[in-house]
Amino acid sequence: MGHARRGLTRRQILQASAGALPLIAVTRSAAAQARSQQLQSQIADSAGQVTELQQEKTVLGQCITSINNFFTVVGENGTSAQQSTAQTTMETDCNAAQKYLN
């Protein structure tokens, strides 16, 4: 009396797992692609933040330079017109920088 085998044969197991390999590869590929897209999005966001920080640095630098120029004109006893021009420039530049200082 032969014993009936229960479960799958070795060949059936190999065939079943070979059929599953493309599915695993597709799943990993899709996961890698999703992760890649996520990283690309983070890079784009970071690049935008860098651009914004550079703009802030430029505007704040202009304000500081204008303040220095104003006090240089005043300290060197510049004419009233020179002082007025320097003050107007300083106020304009520093008003633009105000949004980054709050």
PDB file of N, CA and C in Angstrom:
ATOM      1  N   MET A   1       0.838  -1.159   0.000  1.00  0.00           N
ATOM      2  CA  MET A   1       0.000   0.000   0.000  1.00  0.00           C
ATOM      3  C   MET A   1       0.895   1.237   0.000  1.00  0.00           C
ATOM      4  N   GLY A   2       0.760   2.047  -1.045  1.00  0.00           N
ATOM      5  CA  GLY A   2       1.576   3.241  -1.132  1.00  0.00           C
ATOM      6  C   GLY A   2       0.993   4.353  -0.281  1.00  0.00           C
ATOM      7  N   HIS A   3       1.885   5.127   0.201  1.00  0.00           N
ATOM      8  CA  HIS A   3       1.440   6.282   0.993  1.00  0.00           C
ATOM      9  C   HIS A   3       1.161   7.444   0.064  1.00  0.00           C
ATOM     10  N   ALA A   4       0.017   8.051   0.178  1.00  0.00           N
ATOM     11  CA  ALA A   4      -0.324   9.220  -0.633  1.00  0.00           C
ATOM     12  C   ALA A   4       0.421  10.421  -0.054  1.00  0.00           C
ATOM     13  N   ARG A   5       1.047  11.151  -0.931  1.00  0.00           N
ATOM     14  CA  ARG A   5       1.787  12.327  -0.477  1.00  0.00           C
ATOM     15  C   ARG A   5       0.814  13.465  -0.249  1.00  0.00           C
ATOM     16  N   ARG A   6       1.017  14.131   0.781  1.00  0.00           N
ATOM     17  CA  ARG A   6       0.207  15.313   1.065  1.00  0.00           C
ATOM     18  C   ARG A   6       1.032  16.556   0.765  1.00  0.00           C
ATOM     19  N   GLY A   7       0.376  17.592   0.265  1.00  0.00           N
ATOM     20  CA  GLY A   7       1.084  18.831  -0.015  1.00  0.00           C
ATOM     21  C   GLY A   7       1.628  18.822  -1.431  1.00  0.00           C
ATOM     22  N   LEU A   8       2.468  19.774  -1.700  1.00  0.00           N
ATOM     23  CA  LEU A   8       3.002  19.961  -3.036  1.00  0.00           C
ATOM     24  C   LEU A   8       4.311  19.211  -3.215  1.00  0.00           C
ATOM     25  N   THR A   9       4.541  18.809  -4.446  1.00  0.00           N
ATOM     26  CA  THR A   9       5.821  18.170  -4.751  1.00  0.00           C
ATOM     27  C   THR A   9       6.873  19.258  -4.878  1.00  0.00           C
ATOM     28  N   ARG A  10       8.104  18.852  -4.890  1.00  0.00           N
ATOM     29  CA  ARG A  10       9.207  19.798  -5.046  1.00  0.00           C
ATOM     30  C   ARG A  10       9.072  20.547  -6.367  1.00  0.00           C
ATOM     31  N   ARG A  11       8.697  19.844  -7.399  1.00  0.00           N
ATOM     32  CA  ARG A  11       8.540  20.462  -8.713  1.00  0.00           C
ATOM     33  C   ARG A  11       7.419  21.506  -8.696  1.00  0.00           C
ATOM     34  N   GLN A  12       6.306  21.197  -8.043  1.00  0.00           N
ATOM     35  CA  GLN A  12       5.193  22.143  -7.953  1.00  0.00           C
ATOM     36  C   GLN A  12       5.599  23.397  -7.167  1.00  0.00           C
ATOM     37  N   ILE A  13       6.360  23.195  -6.132  1.00  0.00           N
ATOM     38  CA  ILE A  13       6.829  24.328  -5.334  1.00  0.00           C
ATOM     39  C   ILE A  13       7.726  25.225  -6.175  1.00  0.00           C
ATOM     40  N   LEU A  14       8.666  24.609  -6.917  1.00  0.00           N
ATOM     41  CA  LEU A  14       9.572  25.379  -7.768  1.00  0.00           C
ATOM     42  C   LEU A  14       8.813  26.132  -8.856  1.00  0.00           C
ATOM     43  N   GLN A  15       7.822  25.472  -9.452  1.00  0.00           N
ATOM     44  CA  GLN A  15       7.038  26.132 -10.492  1.00  0.00           C
ATOM     45  C   GLN A  15       6.241  27.300  -9.920  1.00  0.00           C
ATOM     46  N   ALA A  16       5.664  27.107  -8.762  1.00  0.00           N
ATOM     47  CA  ALA A  16       4.873  28.165  -8.139  1.00  0.00           C
ATOM     48  C   ALA A  16       5.756  29.350  -7.750  1.00  0.00           C
ATOM     49  N   SER A  17       6.923  29.075  -7.205  1.00  0.00           N
ATOM     50  CA  SER A  17       7.791  30.176  -6.797  1.00  0.00           C
ATOM     51  C   SER A  17       8.383  30.877  -8.010  1.00  0.00           C
ATOM     52  N   ALA A  18       8.652  30.157  -9.086  1.00  0.00           N
ATOM     53  CA  ALA A  18       9.156  30.791 -10.302  1.00  0.00           C
ATOM     54  C   ALA A  18       8.098  31.730 -10.882  1.00  0.00           C
ATOM     55  N   GLY A  19       6.851  31.367 -10.799  1.00  0.00           N
ATOM     56  CA  GLY A  19       5.771  32.231 -11.276  1.00  0.00           C
ATOM     57  C   GLY A  19       5.612  33.471 -10.411  1.00  0.00           C
ATOM     58  N   ALA A  20       5.985  33.389  -9.146  1.00  0.00           N
ATOM     59  CA  ALA A  20       5.849  34.525  -8.242  1.00  0.00           C
ATOM     60  C   ALA A  20       6.996  35.514  -8.381  1.00  0.00           C
ATOM     61  N   LEU A  21       8.123  35.093  -8.924  1.00  0.00           N
ATOM     62  CA  LEU A  21       9.279  35.977  -9.032  1.00  0.00           C
ATOM     63  C   LEU A  21       8.990  37.250  -9.829  1.00  0.00           C
ATOM     64  N   PRO A  22       8.340  37.176 -10.989  1.00  0.00           N
ATOM     65  CA  PRO A  22       8.052  38.432 -11.694  1.00  0.00           C
ATOM     66  C   PRO A  22       7.177  39.377 -10.867  1.00  0.00           C
ATOM     67  N   LEU A  23       6.253  38.828 -10.112  1.00  0.00           N
ATOM     68  CA  LEU A  23       5.397  39.648  -9.266  1.00  0.00           C
ATOM     69  C   LEU A  23       6.227  40.353  -8.198  1.00  0.00           C
ATOM     70  N   ILE A  24       7.170  39.634  -7.611  1.00  0.00           N
ATOM     71  CA  ILE A  24       8.045  40.222  -6.596  1.00  0.00           C
ATOM     72  C   ILE A  24       8.898  41.317  -7.230  1.00  0.00           C
ATOM     73  N   ALA A  25       9.436  41.048  -8.427  1.00  0.00           N
ATOM     74  CA  ALA A  25      10.267  42.033  -9.107  1.00  0.00           C
ATOM     75  C   ALA A  25       9.464  43.280  -9.442  1.00  0.00           C
ATOM     76  N   VAL A  26       8.235  43.104  -9.897  1.00  0.00           N
ATOM     77  CA  VAL A  26       7.380  44.248 -10.224  1.00  0.00           C
ATOM     78  C   VAL A  26       7.065  45.032  -8.965  1.00  0.00           C
ATOM     79  N   THR A  27       6.776  44.355  -7.877  1.00  0.00           N
ATOM     80  CA  THR A  27       6.461  45.008  -6.617  1.00  0.00           C
ATOM     81  C   THR A  27       7.657  45.814  -6.131  1.00  0.00           C
ATOM     82  N   ARG A  28       8.847  45.223  -6.189  1.00  0.00           N
ATOM     83  CA  ARG A  28      10.048  45.939  -5.765  1.00  0.00           C
ATOM     84  C   ARG A  28      10.317  47.115  -6.688  1.00  0.00           C
ATOM     85  N   SER A  29      10.116  46.923  -7.966  1.00  0.00           N
ATOM     86  CA  SER A  29      10.340  47.999  -8.926  1.00  0.00           C
ATOM     87  C   SER A  29       9.375  49.151  -8.668  1.00  0.00           C
ATOM     88  N   ALA A  30       8.125  48.844  -8.421  1.00  0.00           N
ATOM     89  CA  ALA A  30       7.129  49.881  -8.148  1.00  0.00           C
ATOM     90  C   ALA A  30       7.474  50.609  -6.852  1.00  0.00           C
ATOM     91  N   ALA A  31       7.908  49.861  -5.845  1.00  0.00           N
ATOM     92  CA  ALA A  31       8.290  50.478  -4.576  1.00  0.00           C
ATOM     93  C   ALA A  31       9.513  51.372  -4.765  1.00  0.00           C
ATOM     94  N   ALA A  32      10.475  50.908  -5.547  1.00  0.00           N
ATOM     95  CA  ALA A  32      11.667  51.714  -5.811  1.00  0.00           C
ATOM     96  C   ALA A  32      11.306  52.970  -6.590  1.00  0.00           C
ATOM     97  N   GLN A  33      10.410  52.838  -7.537  1.00  0.00           N
ATOM     98  CA  GLN A  33       9.992  53.997  -8.328  1.00  0.00           C
ATOM     99  C   GLN A  33       9.250  55.005  -7.450  1.00  0.00           C
ATOM    100  N   ALA A  34       8.396  54.517  -6.579  1.00  0.00           N
ATOM    101  CA  ALA A  34       7.665  55.406  -5.671  1.00  0.00           C
ATOM    102  C   ALA A  34       8.641  56.134  -4.749  1.00  0.00           C
ATOM    103  N   ARG A  35       9.627  55.407  -4.247  1.00  0.00           N
ATOM    104  CA  ARG A  35      10.635  56.013  -3.361  1.00  0.00           C
ATOM    105  C   ARG A  35      11.460  57.045  -4.131  1.00  0.00           C
ATOM    106  N   SER A  36      11.799  56.718  -5.359  1.00  0.00           N
ATOM    107  CA  SER A  36      12.559  57.642  -6.205  1.00  0.00           C
ATOM    108  C   SER A  36      11.765  58.923  -6.441  1.00  0.00           C
ATOM    109  N   GLN A  37      10.474  58.794  -6.727  1.00  0.00           N
ATOM    110  CA  GLN A  37       9.635  59.971  -6.932  1.00  0.00           C
ATOM    111  C   GLN A  37       9.536  60.800  -5.658  1.00  0.00           C
ATOM    112  N   GLN A  38       9.456  60.121  -4.528  1.00  0.00           N
ATOM    113  CA  GLN A  38       9.388  60.824  -3.249  1.00  0.00           C
ATOM    114  C   GLN A  38      10.681  61.612  -3.008  1.00  0.00           C
ATOM    115  N   LEU A  39      11.825  60.991  -3.299  1.00  0.00           N
ATOM    116  CA  LEU A  39      13.104  61.669  -3.119  1.00  0.00           C
ATOM    117  C   LEU A  39      13.257  62.843  -4.080  1.00  0.00           C
ATOM    118  N   GLN A  40      12.791  62.671  -5.326  1.00  0.00           N
ATOM    119  CA  GLN A  40      12.846  63.770  -6.295  1.00  0.00           C
ATOM    120  C   GLN A  40      12.004  64.947  -5.813  1.00  0.00           C
ATOM    121  N   SER A  41      10.867  64.656  -5.223  1.00  0.00           N
ATOM    122  CA  SER A  41      10.007  65.707  -4.690  1.00  0.00           C
ATOM    123  C   SER A  41      10.697  66.436  -3.539  1.00  0.00           C
ATOM    124  N   GLN A  42      11.359  65.683  -2.676  1.00  0.00           N
ATOM    125  CA  GLN A  42      12.083  66.291  -1.559  1.00  0.00           C
ATOM    126  C   GLN A  42      13.233  67.162  -2.069  1.00  0.00           C
ATOM    127  N   ILE A  43      13.908  66.710  -3.124  1.00  0.00           N
ATOM    128  CA  ILE A  43      14.995  67.498  -3.711  1.00  0.00           C
ATOM    129  C   ILE A  43      14.445  68.804  -4.264  1.00  0.00           C
ATOM    130  N   ALA A  44      13.333  68.722  -4.971  1.00  0.00           N
ATOM    131  CA  ALA A  44      12.717  69.931  -5.534  1.00  0.00           C
ATOM    132  C   ALA A  44      12.304  70.896  -4.424  1.00  0.00           C
ATOM    133  N   ASP A  45      11.720  70.353  -3.341  1.00  0.00           N
ATOM    134  CA  ASP A  45      11.329  71.198  -2.209  1.00  0.00           C
ATOM    135  C   ASP A  45      12.550  71.867  -1.585  1.00  0.00           C
ATOM    136  N   SER A  46      13.623  71.105  -1.426  1.00  0.00           N
ATOM    137  CA  SER A  46      14.852  71.648  -0.841  1.00  0.00           C
ATOM    138  C   SER A  46      15.455  72.730  -1.730  1.00  0.00           C
ATOM    139  N   ALA A  47      15.417  72.509  -3.038  1.00  0.00           N
ATOM    140  CA  ALA A  47      15.946  73.509  -3.969  1.00  0.00           C
ATOM    141  C   ALA A  47      15.144  74.800  -3.854  1.00  0.00           C
ATOM    142  N   GLY A  48      13.828  74.684  -3.709  1.00  0.00           N
ATOM    143  CA  GLY A  48      12.985  75.858  -3.532  1.00  0.00           C
ATOM    144  C   GLY A  48      13.310  76.596  -2.242  1.00  0.00           C
ATOM    145  N   GLN A  49      13.580  75.836  -1.180  1.00  0.00           N
ATOM    146  CA  GLN A  49      13.937  76.453   0.096  1.00  0.00           C
ATOM    147  C   GLN A  49      15.281  77.161   0.002  1.00  0.00           C
ATOM    148  N   VAL A  50      16.231  76.568  -0.714  1.00  0.00           N
ATOM    149  CA  VAL A  50      17.541  77.198  -0.892  1.00  0.00           C
ATOM    150  C   VAL A  50      17.390  78.511  -1.651  1.00  0.00           C
ATOM    151  N   THR A  51      16.583  78.496  -2.701  1.00  0.00           N
ATOM    152  CA  THR A  51      16.348  79.715  -3.479  1.00  0.00           C
ATOM    153  C   THR A  51      15.727  80.796  -2.599  1.00  0.00           C
ATOM    154  N   GLU A  52      14.764  80.405  -1.790  1.00  0.00           N
ATOM    155  CA  GLU A  52      14.109  81.360  -0.893  1.00  0.00           C
ATOM    156  C   GLU A  52      15.093  81.926   0.128  1.00  0.00           C
ATOM    157  N   LEU A  53      15.943  81.071   0.682  1.00  0.00           N
ATOM    158  CA  LEU A  53      16.939  81.536   1.656  1.00  0.00           C
ATOM    159  C   LEU A  53      17.951  82.479   1.005  1.00  0.00           C
ATOM    160  N   GLN A  54      18.326  82.192  -0.238  1.00  0.00           N
ATOM    161  CA  GLN A  54      19.246  83.080  -0.943  1.00  0.00           C
ATOM    162  C   GLN A  54      18.609  84.446  -1.164  1.00  0.00           C
ATOM    163  N   GLN A  55      17.317  84.450  -1.488  1.00  0.00           N
ATOM    164  CA  GLN A  55      16.600  85.713  -1.674  1.00  0.00           C
ATOM    165  C   GLN A  55      16.554  86.493  -0.362  1.00  0.00           C
ATOM    166  N   GLU A  56      16.269  85.804   0.729  1.00  0.00           N
ATOM    167  CA  GLU A  56      16.247  86.457   2.039  1.00  0.00           C
ATOM    168  C   GLU A  56      17.616  87.049   2.357  1.00  0.00           C
ATOM    169  N   LYS A  57      18.652  86.291   2.110  1.00  0.00           N
ATOM    170  CA  LYS A  57      20.019  86.757   2.376  1.00  0.00           C
ATOM    171  C   LYS A  57      20.326  88.009   1.566  1.00  0.00           C
ATOM    172  N   THR A  58      19.931  88.019   0.303  1.00  0.00           N
ATOM    173  CA  THR A  58      20.172  89.176  -0.564  1.00  0.00           C
ATOM    174  C   THR A  58      19.452  90.415  -0.044  1.00  0.00           C
ATOM    175  N   VAL A  59      18.179  90.258   0.295  1.00  0.00           N
ATOM    176  CA  VAL A  59      17.379  91.396   0.760  1.00  0.00           C
ATOM    177  C   VAL A  59      17.904  91.917   2.098  1.00  0.00           C
ATOM    178  N   LEU A  60      18.211  91.011   3.019  1.00  0.00           N
ATOM    179  CA  LEU A  60      18.741  91.441   4.317  1.00  0.00           C
ATOM    180  C   LEU A  60      20.114  92.102   4.154  1.00  0.00           C
ATOM    181  N   GLY A  61      20.927  91.571   3.243  1.00  0.00           N
ATOM    182  CA  GLY A  61      22.238  92.165   2.972  1.00  0.00           C
ATOM    183  C   GLY A  61      22.120  93.585   2.424  1.00  0.00           C
ATOM    184  N   GLN A  62      21.130  93.785   1.550  1.00  0.00           N
ATOM    185  CA  GLN A  62      20.907  95.132   1.000  1.00  0.00           C
ATOM    186  C   GLN A  62      20.514  96.106   2.107  1.00  0.00           C
ATOM    187  N   CYS A  63      19.703  95.654   3.020  1.00  0.00           N
ATOM    188  CA  CYS A  63      19.290  96.504   4.147  1.00  0.00           C
ATOM    189  C   CYS A  63      20.510  96.885   4.990  1.00  0.00           C
ATOM    190  N   ILE A  64      21.311  95.907   5.330  1.00  0.00           N
ATOM    191  CA  ILE A  64      22.503  96.171   6.155  1.00  0.00           C
ATOM    192  C   ILE A  64      23.460  97.120   5.433  1.00  0.00           C
ATOM    193  N   THR A  65      23.654  96.888   4.149  1.00  0.00           N
ATOM    194  CA  THR A  65      24.529  97.774   3.362  1.00  0.00           C
ATOM    195  C   THR A  65      23.984  99.185   3.330  1.00  0.00           C
ATOM    196  N   SER A  66      22.677  99.332   3.173  1.00  0.00           N
ATOM    197  CA  SER A  66      22.049 100.663   3.141  1.00  0.00           C
ATOM    198  C   SER A  66      22.182 101.381   4.484  1.00  0.00           C
ATOM    199  N   ILE A  67      22.038 100.622   5.567  1.00  0.00           N
ATOM    200  CA  ILE A  67      22.223 101.218   6.902  1.00  0.00           C
ATOM    201  C   ILE A  67      23.655 101.732   7.038  1.00  0.00           C
ATOM    202  N   ASN A  68      24.599 100.899   6.629  1.00  0.00           N
ATOM    203  CA  ASN A  68      26.005 101.296   6.696  1.00  0.00           C
ATOM    204  C   ASN A  68      26.265 102.545   5.840  1.00  0.00           C
ATOM    205  N   ASN A  69      25.714 102.538   4.622  1.00  0.00           N
ATOM    206  CA  ASN A  69      25.907 103.692   3.737  1.00  0.00           C
ATOM    207  C   ASN A  69      25.307 104.965   4.330  1.00  0.00           C
ATOM    208  N   PHE A  70      24.134 104.836   4.935  1.00  0.00           N
ATOM    209  CA  PHE A  70      23.489 106.005   5.553  1.00  0.00           C
ATOM    210  C   PHE A  70      24.387 106.591   6.650  1.00  0.00           C
ATOM    211  N   PHE A  71      24.871 105.719   7.542  1.00  0.00           N
ATOM    212  CA  PHE A  71      25.691 106.219   8.642  1.00  0.00           C
ATOM    213  C   PHE A  71      27.054 106.721   8.156  1.00  0.00           C
ATOM    214  N   THR A  72      27.528 106.174   7.057  1.00  0.00           N
ATOM    215  CA  THR A  72      28.770 106.690   6.470  1.00  0.00           C
ATOM    216  C   THR A  72      28.559 108.108   5.967  1.00  0.00           C
ATOM    217  N   VAL A  73      27.450 108.333   5.259  1.00  0.00           N
ATOM    218  CA  VAL A  73      27.144 109.684   4.748  1.00  0.00           C
ATOM    219  C   VAL A  73      26.969 110.667   5.909  1.00  0.00           C
ATOM    220  N   VAL A  74      26.242 110.256   6.927  1.00  0.00           N
ATOM    221  CA  VAL A  74      26.027 111.124   8.091  1.00  0.00           C
ATOM    222  C   VAL A  74      27.351 111.388   8.805  1.00  0.00           C
ATOM    223  N   GLY A  75      28.142 110.325   9.003  1.00  0.00           N
ATOM    224  CA  GLY A  75      29.427 110.457   9.708  1.00  0.00           C
ATOM    225  C   GLY A  75      30.432 111.315   8.965  1.00  0.00           C
ATOM    226  N   GLU A  76      30.321 111.351   7.661  1.00  0.00           N
ATOM    227  CA  GLU A  76      31.238 112.161   6.857  1.00  0.00           C
ATOM    228  C   GLU A  76      30.657 113.540   6.553  1.00  0.00           C
ATOM    229  N   ASN A  77      29.607 113.901   7.294  1.00  0.00           N
ATOM    230  CA  ASN A  77      28.943 115.200   7.124  1.00  0.00           C
ATOM    231  C   ASN A  77      28.513 115.438   5.685  1.00  0.00           C
ATOM    232  N   GLY A  78      27.854 114.424   5.116  1.00  0.00           N
ATOM    233  CA  GLY A  78      27.334 114.573   3.763  1.00  0.00           C
ATOM    234  C   GLY A  78      26.293 115.663   3.696  1.00  0.00           C
ATOM    235  N   THR A  79      26.035 116.126   2.520  1.00  0.00           N
ATOM    236  CA  THR A  79      25.033 117.186   2.356  1.00  0.00           C
ATOM    237  C   THR A  79      23.665 116.659   2.759  1.00  0.00           C
ATOM    238  N   SER A  80      22.772 117.592   2.940  1.00  0.00           N
ATOM    239  CA  SER A  80      21.405 117.235   3.303  1.00  0.00           C
ATOM    240  C   SER A  80      20.785 116.336   2.226  1.00  0.00           C
ATOM    241  N   ALA A  81      21.058 116.628   0.968  1.00  0.00           N
ATOM    242  CA  ALA A  81      20.524 115.822  -0.133  1.00  0.00           C
ATOM    243  C   ALA A  81      21.114 114.412  -0.117  1.00  0.00           C
ATOM    244  N   GLN A  82      22.407 114.299   0.168  1.00  0.00           N
ATOM    245  CA  GLN A  82      23.048 112.976   0.242  1.00  0.00           C
ATOM    246  C   GLN A  82      22.472 112.157   1.393  1.00  0.00           C
ATOM    247  N   GLN A  83      22.277 112.832   2.524  1.00  0.00           N
ATOM    248  CA  GLN A  83      21.711 112.147   3.684  1.00  0.00           C
ATOM    249  C   GLN A  83      20.278 111.712   3.407  1.00  0.00           C
ATOM    250  N   SER A  84      19.520 112.588   2.760  1.00  0.00           N
ATOM    251  CA  SER A  84      18.137 112.260   2.438  1.00  0.00           C
ATOM    252  C   SER A  84      18.064 111.071   1.476  1.00  0.00           C
ATOM    253  N   THR A  85      18.920 111.073   0.470  1.00  0.00           N
ATOM    254  CA  THR A  85      18.955 109.958  -0.495  1.00  0.00           C
ATOM    255  C   THR A  85      19.348 108.661   0.197  1.00  0.00           C
ATOM    256  N   ALA A  86      20.375 108.734   1.043  1.00  0.00           N
ATOM    257  CA  ALA A  86      20.830 107.537   1.769  1.00  0.00           C
ATOM    258  C   ALA A  86      19.736 107.025   2.706  1.00  0.00           C
ATOM    259  N   GLN A  87      19.025 107.964   3.348  1.00  0.00           N
ATOM    260  CA  GLN A  87      17.948 107.568   4.256  1.00  0.00           C
ATOM    261  C   GLN A  87      16.806 106.907   3.484  1.00  0.00           C
ATOM    262  N   THR A  88      16.438 107.485   2.350  1.00  0.00           N
ATOM    263  CA  THR A  88      15.357 106.921   1.539  1.00  0.00           C
ATOM    264  C   THR A  88      15.724 105.512   1.055  1.00  0.00           C
ATOM    265  N   THR A  89      16.956 105.346   0.609  1.00  0.00           N
ATOM    266  CA  THR A  89      17.426 104.027   0.159  1.00  0.00           C
ATOM    267  C   THR A  89      17.392 103.030   1.309  1.00  0.00           C
ATOM    268  N   MET A  90      17.871 103.471   2.466  1.00  0.00           N
ATOM    269  CA  MET A  90      17.885 102.600   3.648  1.00  0.00           C
ATOM    270  C   MET A  90      16.464 102.187   4.018  1.00  0.00           C
ATOM    271  N   GLU A  91      15.538 103.122   4.043  1.00  0.00           N
ATOM    272  CA  GLU A  91      14.161 102.814   4.414  1.00  0.00           C
ATOM    273  C   GLU A  91      13.523 101.849   3.410  1.00  0.00           C
ATOM    274  N   THR A  92      13.774 102.081   2.136  1.00  0.00           N
ATOM    275  CA  THR A  92      13.219 101.201   1.100  1.00  0.00           C
ATOM    276  C   THR A  92      13.766  99.781   1.247  1.00  0.00           C
ATOM    277  N   ASP A  93      15.100  99.679   1.377  1.00  0.00           N
ATOM    278  CA  ASP A  93      15.729  98.357   1.490  1.00  0.00           C
ATOM    279  C   ASP A  93      15.315  97.638   2.769  1.00  0.00           C
ATOM    280  N   CYS A  94      15.243  98.376   3.855  1.00  0.00           N
ATOM    281  CA  CYS A  94      14.905  97.736   5.133  1.00  0.00           C
ATOM    282  C   CYS A  94      13.414  97.420   5.259  1.00  0.00           C
ATOM    283  N   ASN A  95      12.565  98.189   4.581  1.00  0.00           N
ATOM    284  CA  ASN A  95      11.144  97.833   4.530  1.00  0.00           C
ATOM    285  C   ASN A  95      10.959  96.512   3.784  1.00  0.00           C
ATOM    286  N   ALA A  96      11.739  96.315   2.726  1.00  0.00           N
ATOM    287  CA  ALA A  96      11.672  95.048   1.986  1.00  0.00           C
ATOM    288  C   ALA A  96      12.166  93.892   2.852  1.00  0.00           C
ATOM    289  N   ALA A  97      13.136  94.154   3.721  1.00  0.00           N
ATOM    290  CA  ALA A  97      13.684  93.114   4.583  1.00  0.00           C
ATOM    291  C   ALA A  97      12.799  92.814   5.783  1.00  0.00           C
ATOM    292  N   GLN A  98      11.897  93.727   6.090  1.00  0.00           N
ATOM    293  CA  GLN A  98      11.061  93.587   7.291  1.00  0.00           C
ATOM    294  C   GLN A  98      10.262  92.276   7.296  1.00  0.00           C
ATOM    295  N   LYS A  99       9.803  91.837   6.161  1.00  0.00           N
ATOM    296  CA  LYS A  99       8.991  90.600   6.120  1.00  0.00           C
ATOM    297  C   LYS A  99       9.802  89.371   6.559  1.00  0.00           C
ATOM    298  N   TYR A 100      11.114  89.438   6.440  1.00  0.00           N
ATOM    299  CA  TYR A 100      11.959  88.318   6.871  1.00  0.00           C
ATOM    300  C   TYR A 100      12.351  88.430   8.330  1.00  0.00           C
ATOM    301  N   LEU A 101      12.127  89.600   8.919  1.00  0.00           N
ATOM    302  CA  LEU A 101      12.539  89.837  10.307  1.00  0.00           C
ATOM    303  C   LEU A 101      11.422  89.591  11.304  1.00  0.00           C
ATOM    304  N   ASN A 102      10.220  89.376  10.833  1.00  0.00           N
ATOM    305  CA  ASN A 102       9.088  89.133  11.739  1.00  0.00           C
ATOM    306  C   ASN A 102       8.893  87.654  11.983  1.00  0.00           C
TER     307      ASN A 102
END
